[in-house]
Amino acid sequence: MDKQQLRDAYKLYWLENGKPPVSVYAFCKMVSLPEPAFYDLYSSLEAVEKDIWLGIFEDTINQLQDDEIYRNYSAREKLLTFYFMWVQKLKADRSYILLQQDKFRFPVLHQGQLETFKKAFYKYVEDLVKEGYQTSEIKERKYISDQYVHGFWVQALFVLRYWINDSSERFEMTDAAIEKAVHLSFQLIASNTLDSLFDFGKFMFTGK
């Protein structure tokens, strides 16, 4: 059994039992896998859960990076396309994710499960932001630019939570939410909107 097969078996356990295995031993017994063989692949059940989320992200990125049209997109278009593709990939595991939806009502409080996905997402967004600097799509600002990636992570959690709660046909409302969220975020970090807000704030507090 390889990692992918083990992850699939773990999700199947959730789907058939409505809860996680109580231990590695119980899980291995269910899938007829010697316990030492499990530890050759993962250190814990939590590590399996983290890898499920990372795997969805990596599958999304790999498919996008193979697309020449995507590679020629602007930073905003790339992020928009990423979210559209990501939620399409999430659909394959929607039943598994919905069984854990209570965790994602306030996803900021349950980021342990998303830890490795978060690190990979940060690296992806850091590269997008650098592209945005080069094309002047994103304004580089002292002290603030380093916070852009944190804002995009909050945005990703918003998209995830919105998709989990979306009951519209073909998740059309999620698509609309993605478009509005990405459009707003790039407006804020472009060279005009945020600077105007700073100038207004400075004027209000200093009169200059």
N, C-alpha and C. Protein backbone atom coordinates (compact mmCIF):
# COMPACT_ATOMS: atom_id res chain seq x y z
N MET A 1 0.85 -1.20 0.00
CA MET A 1 0.00 0.00 0.00
C MET A 1 0.88 1.24 0.00
N ASP A 2 0.63 2.16 -0.96
CA ASP A 2 1.38 3.41 -1.00
C ASP A 2 0.60 4.50 -0.27
N LYS A 3 1.17 5.70 -0.27
CA LYS A 3 0.54 6.80 0.48
C LYS A 3 -0.85 7.13 -0.05
N GLN A 4 -1.01 7.17 -1.38
CA GLN A 4 -2.30 7.50 -1.96
C GLN A 4 -3.36 6.47 -1.57
N GLN A 5 -3.00 5.21 -1.63
CA GLN A 5 -3.95 4.15 -1.24
C GLN A 5 -4.31 4.26 0.24
N LEU A 6 -3.32 4.60 1.06
CA LEU A 6 -3.60 4.74 2.49
C LEU A 6 -4.53 5.93 2.74
N ARG A 7 -4.28 7.05 2.05
CA ARG A 7 -5.16 8.21 2.21
C ARG A 7 -6.58 7.88 1.77
N ASP A 8 -6.71 7.15 0.67
CA ASP A 8 -8.04 6.76 0.20
C ASP A 8 -8.73 5.86 1.21
N ALA A 9 -7.98 4.95 1.81
CA ALA A 9 -8.54 4.06 2.82
C ALA A 9 -8.98 4.84 4.06
N TYR A 10 -8.21 5.85 4.41
CA TYR A 10 -8.56 6.69 5.57
C TYR A 10 -9.86 7.45 5.31
N LYS A 11 -9.99 8.02 4.13
CA LYS A 11 -11.23 8.74 3.79
C LYS A 11 -12.41 7.77 3.77
N LEU A 12 -12.19 6.56 3.26
CA LEU A 12 -13.26 5.56 3.22
C LEU A 12 -13.71 5.21 4.63
N TYR A 13 -12.77 5.12 5.56
CA TYR A 13 -13.13 4.84 6.95
C TYR A 13 -14.06 5.92 7.48
N TRP A 14 -13.70 7.19 7.22
CA TRP A 14 -14.55 8.30 7.64
C TRP A 14 -15.94 8.18 7.02
N LEU A 15 -16.00 7.92 5.73
CA LEU A 15 -17.27 7.87 5.01
C LEU A 15 -18.17 6.74 5.52
N GLU A 16 -17.57 5.62 5.88
CA GLU A 16 -18.36 4.47 6.32
C GLU A 16 -18.70 4.50 7.80
N ASN A 17 -17.93 5.27 8.58
CA ASN A 17 -18.14 5.27 10.03
C ASN A 17 -18.56 6.63 10.59
N GLY A 18 -18.41 7.67 9.78
CA GLY A 18 -18.81 9.00 10.22
C GLY A 18 -17.90 9.60 11.28
N LYS A 19 -16.75 9.03 11.47
CA LYS A 19 -15.80 9.53 12.46
C LYS A 19 -14.42 8.95 12.15
N PRO A 20 -13.37 9.51 12.72
CA PRO A 20 -12.03 8.98 12.44
C PRO A 20 -11.76 7.70 13.22
N PRO A 21 -10.77 6.93 12.82
CA PRO A 21 -10.37 5.76 13.61
C PRO A 21 -9.90 6.20 15.00
N VAL A 22 -10.12 5.36 15.98
CA VAL A 22 -9.72 5.73 17.34
C VAL A 22 -8.22 5.61 17.54
N SER A 23 -7.56 4.84 16.67
CA SER A 23 -6.12 4.64 16.80
C SER A 23 -5.55 4.13 15.49
N VAL A 24 -4.26 4.20 15.37
CA VAL A 24 -3.60 3.62 14.20
C VAL A 24 -3.86 2.12 14.15
N TYR A 25 -3.85 1.48 15.30
CA TYR A 25 -4.11 0.03 15.35
C TYR A 25 -5.49 -0.30 14.76
N ALA A 26 -6.51 0.45 15.16
CA ALA A 26 -7.87 0.18 14.67
C ALA A 26 -7.96 0.41 13.17
N PHE A 27 -7.30 1.44 12.70
CA PHE A 27 -7.31 1.73 11.27
C PHE A 27 -6.59 0.62 10.49
N CYS A 28 -5.43 0.23 10.96
CA CYS A 28 -4.66 -0.81 10.27
C CYS A 28 -5.41 -2.14 10.25
N LYS A 29 -6.12 -2.43 11.32
CA LYS A 29 -6.90 -3.66 11.37
C LYS A 29 -8.00 -3.64 10.33
N MET A 30 -8.63 -2.48 10.15
CA MET A 30 -9.72 -2.36 9.18
C MET A 30 -9.22 -2.54 7.75
N VAL A 31 -8.02 -2.03 7.46
CA VAL A 31 -7.51 -2.08 6.08
C VAL A 31 -6.54 -3.25 5.87
N SER A 32 -6.43 -4.10 6.88
CA SER A 32 -5.54 -5.27 6.80
C SER A 32 -4.11 -4.88 6.47
N LEU A 33 -3.62 -3.89 7.22
CA LEU A 33 -2.26 -3.40 7.02
C LEU A 33 -1.49 -3.58 8.32
N PRO A 34 -0.32 -4.23 8.29
CA PRO A 34 0.47 -4.34 9.51
C PRO A 34 0.81 -2.94 10.05
N GLU A 35 0.70 -2.75 11.33
CA GLU A 35 0.92 -1.43 11.91
C GLU A 35 2.30 -0.86 11.57
N PRO A 36 3.37 -1.66 11.61
CA PRO A 36 4.68 -1.10 11.23
C PRO A 36 4.69 -0.55 9.80
N ALA A 37 3.90 -1.18 8.90
CA ALA A 37 3.85 -0.69 7.52
C ALA A 37 3.22 0.70 7.45
N PHE A 38 2.27 0.97 8.35
CA PHE A 38 1.67 2.31 8.41
C PHE A 38 2.75 3.34 8.75
N TYR A 39 3.55 3.02 9.76
CA TYR A 39 4.56 3.98 10.20
C TYR A 39 5.70 4.15 9.21
N ASP A 40 5.79 3.25 8.26
CA ASP A 40 6.75 3.46 7.16
C ASP A 40 6.30 4.60 6.25
N LEU A 41 5.00 4.92 6.31
CA LEU A 41 4.45 5.95 5.43
C LEU A 41 4.09 7.23 6.19
N TYR A 42 3.49 7.08 7.37
CA TYR A 42 3.05 8.24 8.15
C TYR A 42 3.35 8.02 9.63
N SER A 43 3.55 9.14 10.32
CA SER A 43 3.85 9.06 11.75
C SER A 43 2.61 9.00 12.62
N SER A 44 1.45 9.41 12.05
CA SER A 44 0.21 9.45 12.84
C SER A 44 -0.97 9.58 11.90
N LEU A 45 -2.18 9.42 12.45
CA LEU A 45 -3.40 9.64 11.66
C LEU A 45 -3.53 11.11 11.29
N GLU A 46 -3.07 11.99 12.19
CA GLU A 46 -3.13 13.42 11.89
C GLU A 46 -2.27 13.75 10.68
N ALA A 47 -1.16 13.06 10.54
CA ALA A 47 -0.29 13.29 9.38
C ALA A 47 -0.98 12.86 8.08
N VAL A 48 -1.82 11.84 8.15
CA VAL A 48 -2.59 11.42 6.98
C VAL A 48 -3.57 12.52 6.58
N GLU A 49 -4.27 13.08 7.58
CA GLU A 49 -5.23 14.15 7.30
C GLU A 49 -4.55 15.36 6.68
N LYS A 50 -3.39 15.72 7.21
CA LYS A 50 -2.66 16.86 6.65
C LYS A 50 -2.28 16.59 5.19
N ASP A 51 -1.88 15.37 4.92
CA ASP A 51 -1.43 15.03 3.56
C ASP A 51 -2.59 14.99 2.57
N ILE A 52 -3.78 14.70 3.07
CA ILE A 52 -4.96 14.73 2.19
C ILE A 52 -5.16 16.15 1.66
N TRP A 53 -5.09 17.13 2.55
CA TRP A 53 -5.27 18.53 2.15
C TRP A 53 -4.12 19.01 1.26
N LEU A 54 -2.90 18.62 1.61
CA LEU A 54 -1.76 18.99 0.78
C LEU A 54 -1.87 18.37 -0.60
N GLY A 55 -2.33 17.12 -0.66
CA GLY A 55 -2.46 16.42 -1.93
C GLY A 55 -3.44 17.11 -2.87
N ILE A 56 -4.55 17.59 -2.32
CA ILE A 56 -5.54 18.31 -3.14
C ILE A 56 -4.92 19.57 -3.72
N PHE A 57 -4.17 20.29 -2.88
CA PHE A 57 -3.51 21.51 -3.33
C PHE A 57 -2.48 21.21 -4.42
N GLU A 58 -1.64 20.22 -4.19
CA GLU A 58 -0.59 19.89 -5.16
C GLU A 58 -1.16 19.40 -6.47
N ASP A 59 -2.23 18.64 -6.40
CA ASP A 59 -2.89 18.17 -7.62
C ASP A 59 -3.42 19.36 -8.43
N THR A 60 -3.96 20.35 -7.72
CA THR A 60 -4.46 21.56 -8.37
C THR A 60 -3.33 22.32 -9.05
N ILE A 61 -2.25 22.57 -8.31
CA ILE A 61 -1.12 23.33 -8.84
C ILE A 61 -0.47 22.62 -10.01
N ASN A 62 -0.28 21.32 -9.90
CA ASN A 62 0.37 20.57 -10.98
C ASN A 62 -0.43 20.66 -12.27
N GLN A 63 -1.74 20.57 -12.16
CA GLN A 63 -2.57 20.66 -13.36
C GLN A 63 -2.50 22.07 -13.96
N LEU A 64 -2.50 23.08 -13.11
CA LEU A 64 -2.44 24.45 -13.62
C LEU A 64 -1.10 24.75 -14.28
N GLN A 65 -0.03 24.31 -13.67
CA GLN A 65 1.30 24.63 -14.19
C GLN A 65 1.60 23.92 -15.51
N ASP A 66 0.85 22.88 -15.81
CA ASP A 66 0.99 22.21 -17.10
C ASP A 66 0.24 22.92 -18.22
N ASP A 67 -0.52 23.95 -17.84
CA ASP A 67 -1.35 24.67 -18.80
C ASP A 67 -0.62 25.95 -19.25
N GLU A 68 -0.26 26.02 -20.53
CA GLU A 68 0.48 27.16 -21.03
C GLU A 68 -0.32 28.46 -20.91
N ILE A 69 -1.63 28.38 -21.10
CA ILE A 69 -2.48 29.57 -20.98
C ILE A 69 -2.39 30.12 -19.56
N TYR A 70 -2.46 29.23 -18.57
CA TYR A 70 -2.36 29.67 -17.17
C TYR A 70 -1.03 30.35 -16.91
N ARG A 71 0.04 29.81 -17.44
CA ARG A 71 1.38 30.36 -17.19
C ARG A 71 1.52 31.79 -17.69
N ASN A 72 0.70 32.17 -18.65
CA ASN A 72 0.76 33.52 -19.21
C ASN A 72 -0.24 34.48 -18.56
N TYR A 73 -0.97 34.01 -17.58
CA TYR A 73 -1.94 34.86 -16.89
C TYR A 73 -1.24 35.88 -15.99
N SER A 74 -1.97 36.93 -15.64
CA SER A 74 -1.52 37.87 -14.61
C SER A 74 -1.66 37.20 -13.25
N ALA A 75 -1.10 37.84 -12.23
CA ALA A 75 -1.18 37.28 -10.87
C ALA A 75 -2.64 37.13 -10.44
N ARG A 76 -3.44 38.14 -10.70
CA ARG A 76 -4.86 38.08 -10.32
C ARG A 76 -5.56 36.93 -11.04
N GLU A 77 -5.32 36.79 -12.33
CA GLU A 77 -5.96 35.72 -13.10
C GLU A 77 -5.50 34.35 -12.63
N LYS A 78 -4.23 34.24 -12.25
CA LYS A 78 -3.72 32.96 -11.75
C LYS A 78 -4.41 32.57 -10.44
N LEU A 79 -4.54 33.52 -9.53
CA LEU A 79 -5.19 33.20 -8.25
C LEU A 79 -6.65 32.85 -8.46
N LEU A 80 -7.30 33.59 -9.32
CA LEU A 80 -8.70 33.31 -9.62
C LEU A 80 -8.86 31.90 -10.20
N THR A 81 -7.99 31.55 -11.13
CA THR A 81 -8.04 30.23 -11.75
C THR A 81 -7.71 29.14 -10.74
N PHE A 82 -6.76 29.44 -9.85
CA PHE A 82 -6.43 28.47 -8.80
C PHE A 82 -7.65 28.13 -7.96
N TYR A 83 -8.36 29.17 -7.49
CA TYR A 83 -9.52 28.92 -6.64
C TYR A 83 -10.60 28.12 -7.38
N PHE A 84 -10.85 28.48 -8.63
CA PHE A 84 -11.85 27.74 -9.40
C PHE A 84 -11.47 26.27 -9.52
N MET A 85 -10.20 26.02 -9.83
CA MET A 85 -9.73 24.64 -9.97
C MET A 85 -9.72 23.92 -8.64
N TRP A 86 -9.30 24.62 -7.58
CA TRP A 86 -9.21 24.02 -6.25
C TRP A 86 -10.57 23.52 -5.78
N VAL A 87 -11.61 24.35 -5.90
CA VAL A 87 -12.93 23.90 -5.44
C VAL A 87 -13.46 22.76 -6.30
N GLN A 88 -13.04 22.71 -7.58
CA GLN A 88 -13.41 21.56 -8.41
C GLN A 88 -12.77 20.29 -7.87
N LYS A 89 -11.51 20.38 -7.45
CA LYS A 89 -10.82 19.23 -6.87
C LYS A 89 -11.44 18.84 -5.53
N LEU A 90 -11.84 19.84 -4.75
CA LEU A 90 -12.44 19.56 -3.45
C LEU A 90 -13.74 18.76 -3.58
N LYS A 91 -14.44 18.94 -4.69
CA LYS A 91 -15.72 18.26 -4.89
C LYS A 91 -15.57 16.74 -4.79
N ALA A 92 -14.44 16.21 -5.22
CA ALA A 92 -14.22 14.76 -5.17
C ALA A 92 -14.22 14.25 -3.73
N ASP A 93 -13.91 15.13 -2.79
CA ASP A 93 -13.85 14.74 -1.38
C ASP A 93 -14.88 15.48 -0.53
N ARG A 94 -15.94 15.97 -1.17
CA ARG A 94 -16.91 16.79 -0.44
C ARG A 94 -17.56 16.02 0.71
N SER A 95 -17.95 14.79 0.50
CA SER A 95 -18.60 14.03 1.57
C SER A 95 -17.66 13.86 2.76
N TYR A 96 -16.39 13.59 2.49
CA TYR A 96 -15.40 13.46 3.56
C TYR A 96 -15.24 14.79 4.31
N ILE A 97 -15.16 15.89 3.56
CA ILE A 97 -14.98 17.20 4.18
C ILE A 97 -16.22 17.61 4.97
N LEU A 98 -17.41 17.32 4.45
CA LEU A 98 -18.64 17.70 5.15
C LEU A 98 -18.79 16.97 6.48
N LEU A 99 -18.23 15.77 6.58
CA LEU A 99 -18.28 15.05 7.85
C LEU A 99 -17.48 15.79 8.93
N GLN A 100 -16.59 16.65 8.49
CA GLN A 100 -15.75 17.41 9.42
C GLN A 100 -16.08 18.90 9.39
N GLN A 101 -17.26 19.24 8.87
CA GLN A 101 -17.54 20.64 8.61
C GLN A 101 -17.58 21.50 9.87
N ASP A 102 -17.86 20.88 11.02
CA ASP A 102 -17.86 21.67 12.26
C ASP A 102 -16.50 22.31 12.51
N LYS A 103 -15.44 21.63 12.05
CA LYS A 103 -14.09 22.18 12.22
C LYS A 103 -13.91 23.45 11.41
N PHE A 104 -14.65 23.54 10.32
CA PHE A 104 -14.40 24.64 9.39
C PHE A 104 -15.41 25.77 9.51
N ARG A 105 -16.27 25.69 10.53
CA ARG A 105 -17.12 26.84 10.81
C ARG A 105 -16.25 28.02 11.24
N PHE A 106 -15.18 27.70 11.98
CA PHE A 106 -14.19 28.69 12.36
C PHE A 106 -12.82 28.09 12.04
N PRO A 107 -12.47 28.03 10.74
CA PRO A 107 -11.28 27.31 10.31
C PRO A 107 -9.98 27.83 10.89
N VAL A 108 -9.94 29.12 11.28
CA VAL A 108 -8.72 29.66 11.87
C VAL A 108 -8.36 28.91 13.15
N LEU A 109 -9.38 28.36 13.83
CA LEU A 109 -9.15 27.65 15.08
C LEU A 109 -8.73 26.20 14.87
N HIS A 110 -8.79 25.73 13.64
CA HIS A 110 -8.49 24.31 13.36
C HIS A 110 -7.50 24.19 12.21
N GLN A 111 -6.43 24.97 12.27
CA GLN A 111 -5.50 24.98 11.16
C GLN A 111 -4.43 23.89 11.25
N GLY A 112 -4.42 23.12 12.34
CA GLY A 112 -3.45 22.05 12.44
C GLY A 112 -3.60 21.07 11.29
N GLN A 113 -4.81 20.73 10.96
CA GLN A 113 -5.11 19.81 9.88
C GLN A 113 -4.68 20.39 8.52
N LEU A 114 -4.64 21.72 8.43
CA LEU A 114 -4.31 22.40 7.18
C LEU A 114 -2.86 22.89 7.16
N GLU A 115 -2.06 22.48 8.11
CA GLU A 115 -0.73 23.05 8.31
C GLU A 115 0.18 22.92 7.08
N THR A 116 0.31 21.73 6.52
CA THR A 116 1.21 21.55 5.39
C THR A 116 0.64 22.19 4.13
N PHE A 117 -0.68 22.14 3.98
CA PHE A 117 -1.33 22.85 2.88
C PHE A 117 -1.05 24.35 2.99
N LYS A 118 -1.15 24.88 4.20
CA LYS A 118 -0.92 26.31 4.43
C LYS A 118 0.48 26.71 4.01
N LYS A 119 1.49 25.93 4.37
CA LYS A 119 2.86 26.25 4.01
C LYS A 119 3.04 26.27 2.49
N ALA A 120 2.45 25.28 1.82
CA ALA A 120 2.56 25.22 0.36
C ALA A 120 1.80 26.38 -0.29
N PHE A 121 0.65 26.72 0.26
CA PHE A 121 -0.14 27.83 -0.26
C PHE A 121 0.62 29.16 -0.09
N TYR A 122 1.26 29.34 1.06
CA TYR A 122 2.04 30.56 1.28
C TYR A 122 3.13 30.70 0.23
N LYS A 123 3.82 29.60 -0.07
CA LYS A 123 4.89 29.66 -1.08
C LYS A 123 4.31 30.01 -2.44
N TYR A 124 3.18 29.44 -2.78
CA TYR A 124 2.52 29.73 -4.05
C TYR A 124 2.14 31.21 -4.13
N VAL A 125 1.53 31.74 -3.08
CA VAL A 125 1.09 33.13 -3.09
C VAL A 125 2.28 34.09 -3.06
N GLU A 126 3.34 33.74 -2.33
CA GLU A 126 4.54 34.59 -2.32
C GLU A 126 5.07 34.78 -3.74
N ASP A 127 5.07 33.70 -4.52
CA ASP A 127 5.53 33.79 -5.90
C ASP A 127 4.59 34.66 -6.74
N LEU A 128 3.28 34.54 -6.50
CA LEU A 128 2.31 35.38 -7.23
C LEU A 128 2.51 36.86 -6.90
N VAL A 129 2.74 37.14 -5.62
CA VAL A 129 2.94 38.53 -5.21
C VAL A 129 4.20 39.11 -5.88
N LYS A 130 5.26 38.33 -5.94
CA LYS A 130 6.48 38.78 -6.61
C LYS A 130 6.22 39.07 -8.09
N GLU A 131 5.43 38.21 -8.73
CA GLU A 131 5.05 38.46 -10.12
C GLU A 131 4.28 39.77 -10.23
N GLY A 132 3.39 39.99 -9.27
CA GLY A 132 2.60 41.21 -9.26
C GLY A 132 3.45 42.46 -9.11
N TYR A 133 4.53 42.37 -8.31
CA TYR A 133 5.44 43.50 -8.19
C TYR A 133 6.08 43.83 -9.54
N GLN A 134 6.52 42.79 -10.24
CA GLN A 134 7.24 42.97 -11.49
C GLN A 134 6.36 43.58 -12.58
N THR A 135 5.08 43.28 -12.53
CA THR A 135 4.17 43.79 -13.56
C THR A 135 3.42 45.04 -13.08
N SER A 136 3.75 45.51 -11.88
CA SER A 136 3.08 46.66 -11.26
C SER A 136 1.60 46.41 -10.98
N GLU A 137 1.22 45.14 -10.98
CA GLU A 137 -0.16 44.77 -10.64
C GLU A 137 -0.39 44.91 -9.14
N ILE A 138 0.70 44.73 -8.38
CA ILE A 138 0.65 44.84 -6.92
C ILE A 138 1.67 45.88 -6.50
N LYS A 139 1.29 46.73 -5.57
CA LYS A 139 2.18 47.78 -5.08
C LYS A 139 2.96 47.23 -3.89
N GLU A 140 4.30 47.34 -3.97
CA GLU A 140 5.15 46.94 -2.85
C GLU A 140 5.20 48.07 -1.85
N ARG A 141 4.85 47.77 -0.59
CA ARG A 141 4.77 48.79 0.44
C ARG A 141 5.60 48.37 1.65
N LYS A 142 6.36 49.31 2.16
CA LYS A 142 7.19 49.04 3.33
C LYS A 142 6.33 48.64 4.52
N TYR A 143 6.73 47.59 5.21
CA TYR A 143 6.08 47.07 6.42
C TYR A 143 4.77 46.31 6.13
N ILE A 144 4.13 46.58 5.00
CA ILE A 144 2.82 45.99 4.74
C ILE A 144 2.89 44.83 3.76
N SER A 145 3.82 44.90 2.81
CA SER A 145 3.88 43.88 1.76
C SER A 145 4.01 42.47 2.31
N ASP A 146 4.75 42.33 3.43
CA ASP A 146 4.94 41.01 4.02
C ASP A 146 3.64 40.42 4.55
N GLN A 147 2.63 41.27 4.73
CA GLN A 147 1.36 40.79 5.26
C GLN A 147 0.39 40.33 4.17
N TYR A 148 0.73 40.59 2.91
CA TYR A 148 -0.17 40.21 1.83
C TYR A 148 -0.50 38.71 1.87
N VAL A 149 0.53 37.89 2.08
CA VAL A 149 0.31 36.44 2.04
C VAL A 149 -0.65 35.99 3.14
N HIS A 150 -0.59 36.65 4.30
CA HIS A 150 -1.50 36.29 5.39
C HIS A 150 -2.94 36.61 4.99
N GLY A 151 -3.10 37.74 4.31
CA GLY A 151 -4.44 38.11 3.84
C GLY A 151 -4.98 37.11 2.83
N PHE A 152 -4.13 36.63 1.95
CA PHE A 152 -4.58 35.65 0.97
C PHE A 152 -4.92 34.31 1.62
N TRP A 153 -4.22 33.97 2.71
CA TRP A 153 -4.56 32.73 3.42
C TRP A 153 -5.95 32.85 4.06
N VAL A 154 -6.23 34.00 4.65
CA VAL A 154 -7.57 34.23 5.20
C VAL A 154 -8.61 34.13 4.08
N GLN A 155 -8.26 34.63 2.92
CA GLN A 155 -9.16 34.54 1.76
C GLN A 155 -9.40 33.08 1.37
N ALA A 156 -8.34 32.27 1.38
CA ALA A 156 -8.50 30.85 1.04
C ALA A 156 -9.42 30.14 2.03
N LEU A 157 -9.29 30.49 3.32
CA LEU A 157 -10.17 29.91 4.33
C LEU A 157 -11.61 30.36 4.12
N PHE A 158 -11.78 31.61 3.71
CA PHE A 158 -13.12 32.11 3.39
C PHE A 158 -13.74 31.31 2.24
N VAL A 159 -12.95 31.09 1.19
CA VAL A 159 -13.45 30.32 0.03
C VAL A 159 -13.84 28.91 0.47
N LEU A 160 -13.00 28.28 1.27
CA LEU A 160 -13.29 26.93 1.75
C LEU A 160 -14.59 26.89 2.55
N ARG A 161 -14.72 27.80 3.49
CA ARG A 161 -15.92 27.82 4.33
C ARG A 161 -17.16 28.11 3.50
N TYR A 162 -17.05 29.05 2.55
CA TYR A 162 -18.19 29.40 1.71
C TYR A 162 -18.62 28.20 0.88
N TRP A 163 -17.66 27.49 0.32
CA TRP A 163 -17.96 26.31 -0.50
C TRP A 163 -18.62 25.22 0.33
N ILE A 164 -18.15 25.01 1.55
CA ILE A 164 -18.74 24.00 2.43
C ILE A 164 -20.21 24.29 2.69
N ASN A 165 -20.55 25.57 2.84
CA ASN A 165 -21.92 25.96 3.17
C ASN A 165 -22.79 26.23 1.94
N ASP A 166 -22.20 26.15 0.76
CA ASP A 166 -22.91 26.50 -0.47
C ASP A 166 -23.87 25.39 -0.89
N SER A 167 -25.13 25.74 -1.07
CA SER A 167 -26.14 24.78 -1.52
C SER A 167 -26.69 25.15 -2.90
N SER A 168 -26.04 26.11 -3.56
CA SER A 168 -26.52 26.54 -4.88
C SER A 168 -26.18 25.51 -5.94
N GLU A 169 -26.92 25.56 -7.05
CA GLU A 169 -26.71 24.61 -8.13
C GLU A 169 -25.30 24.78 -8.70
N ARG A 170 -24.59 23.64 -8.82
CA ARG A 170 -23.22 23.62 -9.34
C ARG A 170 -22.30 24.59 -8.59
N PHE A 171 -22.67 24.91 -7.35
CA PHE A 171 -21.87 25.80 -6.49
C PHE A 171 -21.60 27.14 -7.17
N GLU A 172 -22.62 27.64 -7.85
CA GLU A 172 -22.48 28.89 -8.58
C GLU A 172 -22.20 30.06 -7.65
N MET A 173 -22.76 30.03 -6.45
CA MET A 173 -22.52 31.12 -5.51
C MET A 173 -21.06 31.15 -5.04
N THR A 174 -20.45 29.98 -4.95
CA THR A 174 -19.03 29.94 -4.59
C THR A 174 -18.19 30.60 -5.69
N ASP A 175 -18.51 30.30 -6.93
CA ASP A 175 -17.79 30.93 -8.05
C ASP A 175 -17.92 32.45 -7.98
N ALA A 176 -19.13 32.93 -7.69
CA ALA A 176 -19.34 34.37 -7.60
C ALA A 176 -18.56 34.96 -6.42
N ALA A 177 -18.55 34.26 -5.30
CA ALA A 177 -17.81 34.73 -4.12
C ALA A 177 -16.32 34.80 -4.39
N ILE A 178 -15.80 33.80 -5.12
CA ILE A 178 -14.38 33.80 -5.48
C ILE A 178 -14.05 35.02 -6.32
N GLU A 179 -14.85 35.28 -7.33
CA GLU A 179 -14.60 36.42 -8.21
C GLU A 179 -14.58 37.73 -7.43
N LYS A 180 -15.56 37.92 -6.55
CA LYS A 180 -15.64 39.16 -5.78
C LYS A 180 -14.48 39.27 -4.79
N ALA A 181 -14.12 38.17 -4.14
CA ALA A 181 -13.04 38.20 -3.15
C ALA A 181 -11.70 38.51 -3.80
N VAL A 182 -11.41 37.87 -4.92
CA VAL A 182 -10.13 38.09 -5.60
C VAL A 182 -10.08 39.51 -6.17
N HIS A 183 -11.18 39.95 -6.77
CA HIS A 183 -11.22 41.30 -7.33
C HIS A 183 -10.97 42.34 -6.25
N LEU A 184 -11.63 42.19 -5.11
CA LEU A 184 -11.46 43.14 -4.01
C LEU A 184 -10.03 43.13 -3.48
N SER A 185 -9.47 41.95 -3.28
CA SER A 185 -8.13 41.86 -2.71
C SER A 185 -7.09 42.52 -3.61
N PHE A 186 -7.23 42.34 -4.92
CA PHE A 186 -6.25 42.95 -5.83
C PHE A 186 -6.49 44.45 -5.98
N GLN A 187 -7.72 44.88 -5.79
CA GLN A 187 -7.97 46.32 -5.74
C GLN A 187 -7.24 46.94 -4.55
N LEU A 188 -7.30 46.27 -3.42
CA LEU A 188 -6.72 46.81 -2.20
C LEU A 188 -5.20 46.87 -2.25
N ILE A 189 -4.56 45.92 -2.94
CA ILE A 189 -3.10 45.91 -2.94
C ILE A 189 -2.53 46.50 -4.22
N ALA A 190 -3.38 47.05 -5.06
CA ALA A 190 -2.90 47.77 -6.24
C ALA A 190 -2.36 49.13 -5.81
N SER A 191 -1.97 49.95 -6.77
CA SER A 191 -1.22 51.17 -6.45
C SER A 191 -2.09 52.36 -6.07
N ASN A 192 -3.42 52.21 -6.09
CA ASN A 192 -4.25 53.38 -5.83
C ASN A 192 -5.11 53.27 -4.58
N THR A 193 -5.94 52.22 -4.51
CA THR A 193 -6.96 52.15 -3.46
C THR A 193 -6.39 52.20 -2.05
N LEU A 194 -5.45 51.31 -1.76
CA LEU A 194 -4.90 51.25 -0.41
C LEU A 194 -4.12 52.52 -0.08
N ASP A 195 -3.40 53.05 -1.07
CA ASP A 195 -2.66 54.28 -0.84
C ASP A 195 -3.61 55.43 -0.51
N SER A 196 -4.75 55.47 -1.19
CA SER A 196 -5.74 56.51 -0.92
C SER A 196 -6.28 56.39 0.50
N LEU A 197 -6.49 55.15 0.95
CA LEU A 197 -6.96 54.93 2.32
C LEU A 197 -5.91 55.40 3.33
N PHE A 198 -4.63 55.09 3.05
CA PHE A 198 -3.57 55.52 3.95
C PHE A 198 -3.48 57.04 4.00
N ASP A 199 -3.56 57.66 2.84
CA ASP A 199 -3.48 59.11 2.79
C ASP A 199 -4.64 59.75 3.56
N PHE A 200 -5.82 59.17 3.41
CA PHE A 200 -6.98 59.69 4.13
C PHE A 200 -6.81 59.53 5.64
N GLY A 201 -6.33 58.35 6.03
CA GLY A 201 -6.10 58.11 7.47
C GLY A 201 -5.07 59.04 8.04
N LYS A 202 -3.99 59.26 7.28
CA LYS A 202 -2.94 60.18 7.73
C LYS A 202 -3.49 61.60 7.89
N PHE A 203 -4.30 62.00 6.93
CA PHE A 203 -4.90 63.34 7.00
C PHE A 203 -5.80 63.48 8.21
N MET A 204 -6.61 62.44 8.47
CA MET A 204 -7.55 62.51 9.59
C MET A 204 -6.82 62.61 10.93
N PHE A 205 -5.67 61.92 11.03
CA PHE A 205 -4.97 61.89 12.32
C PHE A 205 -3.94 63.01 12.47
N THR A 206 -3.40 63.48 11.36
CA THR A 206 -2.32 64.47 11.47
C THR A 206 -2.68 65.80 10.81
N GLY A 207 -3.70 65.80 9.98
CA GLY A 207 -4.08 67.01 9.28
C GLY A 207 -3.12 67.38 8.17
N LYS A 208 -2.31 66.40 7.73
CA LYS A 208 -1.34 66.65 6.64
C LYS A 208 -1.62 65.72 5.47
